[in-house]
Amino acid sequence: MKVTIEFDGSEDEDDFRVALDGGKWKNAMWELDQLLRKTTKHQVSLISLSLGAFASEQEIAVAESIRESIRDILSDYNLNLE
């Protein structure tokens, strides 16, 4: 598939950058999701990440809620992390 996108002038520079950085945004969101997954699946604390502490039940619940919110927001934009 071949797609051509045209931008005119410096006023479109932000739109051009957004179009080019789509893959970077997806990778950044995936990394954020994986960080939260460490908490929900492996009980690694985000608060004490460098110490290797275990996450509390409250922290796990918050991480699960944030992961759900990320997926809901992405779905609203017809996007997914997979």
C-alpha atoms as a PDB file:
ATOM      1  CA  MET A   1       0.000   0.000   0.000  1.00  0.00           C
ATOM      2  CA  LYS A   2       1.244   3.459  -0.836  1.00  0.00           C
ATOM      3  CA  VAL A   3      -0.066   6.605   0.833  1.00  0.00           C
ATOM      4  CA  THR A   4       0.867  10.177   0.056  1.00  0.00           C
ATOM      5  CA  ILE A   5       0.251  12.901   2.615  1.00  0.00           C
ATOM      6  CA  GLU A   6       0.938  16.509   1.735  1.00  0.00           C
ATOM      7  CA  PHE A   7       1.553  19.367   4.136  1.00  0.00           C
ATOM      8  CA  ASP A   8       1.827  22.987   3.053  1.00  0.00           C
ATOM      9  CA  GLY A   9       4.072  25.449   4.815  1.00  0.00           C
ATOM     10  CA  SER A  10       5.298  25.826   8.346  1.00  0.00           C
ATOM     11  CA  GLU A  11       1.763  26.143   9.806  1.00  0.00           C
ATOM     12  CA  ASP A  12       1.293  22.420   9.095  1.00  0.00           C
ATOM     13  CA  GLU A  13       4.564  21.453  10.804  1.00  0.00           C
ATOM     14  CA  ASP A  14       2.798  20.195  13.946  1.00  0.00           C
ATOM     15  CA  ASP A  15       0.417  18.027  11.890  1.00  0.00           C
ATOM     16  CA  PHE A  16       3.392  16.673   9.958  1.00  0.00           C
ATOM     17  CA  ARG A  17       5.207  15.761  13.186  1.00  0.00           C
ATOM     18  CA  VAL A  18       2.084  14.062  14.588  1.00  0.00           C
ATOM     19  CA  ALA A  19       1.754  11.993  11.394  1.00  0.00           C
ATOM     20  CA  LEU A  20       5.384  10.905  11.566  1.00  0.00           C
ATOM     21  CA  ASP A  21       5.373  10.133  15.288  1.00  0.00           C
ATOM     22  CA  GLY A  22       2.341   7.809  15.333  1.00  0.00           C
ATOM     23  CA  GLY A  23       4.510   4.711  15.765  1.00  0.00           C
ATOM     24  CA  LYS A  24       6.448   6.334  18.581  1.00  0.00           C
ATOM     25  CA  TRP A  25       3.213   7.155  20.397  1.00  0.00           C
ATOM     26  CA  LYS A  26       2.047   3.555  20.060  1.00  0.00           C
ATOM     27  CA  ASN A  27       5.356   2.245  21.407  1.00  0.00           C
ATOM     28  CA  ALA A  28       5.278   4.702  24.320  1.00  0.00           C
ATOM     29  CA  MET A  29       1.724   3.641  25.242  1.00  0.00           C
ATOM     30  CA  TRP A  30       2.721  -0.024  24.985  1.00  0.00           C
ATOM     31  CA  GLU A  31       5.668   0.565  27.343  1.00  0.00           C
ATOM     32  CA  LEU A  32       3.379   2.338  29.814  1.00  0.00           C
ATOM     33  CA  ASP A  33       0.941  -0.570  29.631  1.00  0.00           C
ATOM     34  CA  GLN A  34       3.763  -3.066  30.226  1.00  0.00           C
ATOM     35  CA  LEU A  35       4.929  -1.100  33.262  1.00  0.00           C
ATOM     36  CA  LEU A  36       1.406  -1.275  34.695  1.00  0.00           C
ATOM     37  CA  ARG A  37       1.215  -4.966  33.753  1.00  0.00           C
ATOM     38  CA  LYS A  38       4.230  -5.668  35.957  1.00  0.00           C
ATOM     39  CA  THR A  39       2.129  -4.427  38.843  1.00  0.00           C
ATOM     40  CA  THR A  40      -1.085  -6.252  37.947  1.00  0.00           C
ATOM     41  CA  LYS A  41       0.478  -9.562  36.941  1.00  0.00           C
ATOM     42  CA  HIS A  42       3.725  -9.785  38.888  1.00  0.00           C
ATOM     43  CA  GLN A  43       2.843  -7.503  41.812  1.00  0.00           C
ATOM     44  CA  VAL A  44       5.881  -5.260  41.228  1.00  0.00           C
ATOM     45  CA  SER A  45       5.382  -1.941  42.997  1.00  0.00           C
ATOM     46  CA  LEU A  46       5.484   1.154  40.805  1.00  0.00           C
ATOM     47  CA  ILE A  47       6.078   3.282  43.877  1.00  0.00           C
ATOM     48  CA  SER A  48       9.185   1.366  44.893  1.00  0.00           C
ATOM     49  CA  LEU A  49      10.164   0.124  41.438  1.00  0.00           C
ATOM     50  CA  SER A  50      13.877   0.589  41.996  1.00  0.00           C
ATOM     51  CA  LEU A  51      13.669  -1.274  45.309  1.00  0.00           C
ATOM     52  CA  GLY A  52      11.901  -4.306  43.851  1.00  0.00           C
ATOM     53  CA  ALA A  53       9.119  -4.113  46.446  1.00  0.00           C
ATOM     54  CA  PHE A  54       5.799  -5.905  46.102  1.00  0.00           C
ATOM     55  CA  ALA A  55       2.710  -3.901  45.191  1.00  0.00           C
ATOM     56  CA  SER A  56      -0.132  -3.496  47.667  1.00  0.00           C
ATOM     57  CA  GLU A  57      -3.642  -4.649  46.766  1.00  0.00           C
ATOM     58  CA  GLN A  58      -4.609  -0.988  46.411  1.00  0.00           C
ATOM     59  CA  GLU A  59      -1.727  -0.313  43.997  1.00  0.00           C
ATOM     60  CA  ILE A  60      -2.659  -3.364  41.919  1.00  0.00           C
ATOM     61  CA  ALA A  61      -6.282  -2.174  41.735  1.00  0.00           C
ATOM     62  CA  VAL A  62      -5.176   1.296  40.597  1.00  0.00           C
ATOM     63  CA  ALA A  63      -2.845  -0.195  37.957  1.00  0.00           C
ATOM     64  CA  GLU A  64      -5.683  -2.398  36.651  1.00  0.00           C
ATOM     65  CA  SER A  65      -7.989   0.623  36.506  1.00  0.00           C
ATOM     66  CA  ILE A  66      -5.415   2.680  34.587  1.00  0.00           C
ATOM     67  CA  ARG A  67      -4.808  -0.162  32.112  1.00  0.00           C
ATOM     68  CA  GLU A  68      -8.569  -0.398  31.553  1.00  0.00           C
ATOM     69  CA  SER A  69      -8.807   3.361  31.038  1.00  0.00           C
ATOM     70  CA  ILE A  70      -5.976   3.307  28.508  1.00  0.00           C
ATOM     71  CA  ARG A  71      -7.737   0.585  26.534  1.00  0.00           C
ATOM     72  CA  ASP A  72     -11.084   2.416  26.705  1.00  0.00           C
ATOM     73  CA  ILE A  73      -9.515   5.658  25.462  1.00  0.00           C
ATOM     74  CA  LEU A  74      -7.678   3.879  22.648  1.00  0.00           C
ATOM     75  CA  SER A  75     -10.879   2.057  21.692  1.00  0.00           C
ATOM     76  CA  ASP A  76     -12.740   5.376  21.503  1.00  0.00           C
ATOM     77  CA  TYR A  77     -10.175   6.400  18.862  1.00  0.00           C
ATOM     78  CA  ASN A  78     -10.424   3.003  17.128  1.00  0.00           C
ATOM     79  CA  LEU A  79      -6.861   2.144  18.223  1.00  0.00           C
ATOM     80  CA  ASN A  80      -5.341  -0.774  20.112  1.00  0.00           C
ATOM     81  CA  LEU A  81      -1.975  -1.766  21.545  1.00  0.00           C
ATOM     82  CA  GLU A  82      -1.820  -5.161  19.834  1.00  0.00           C
END
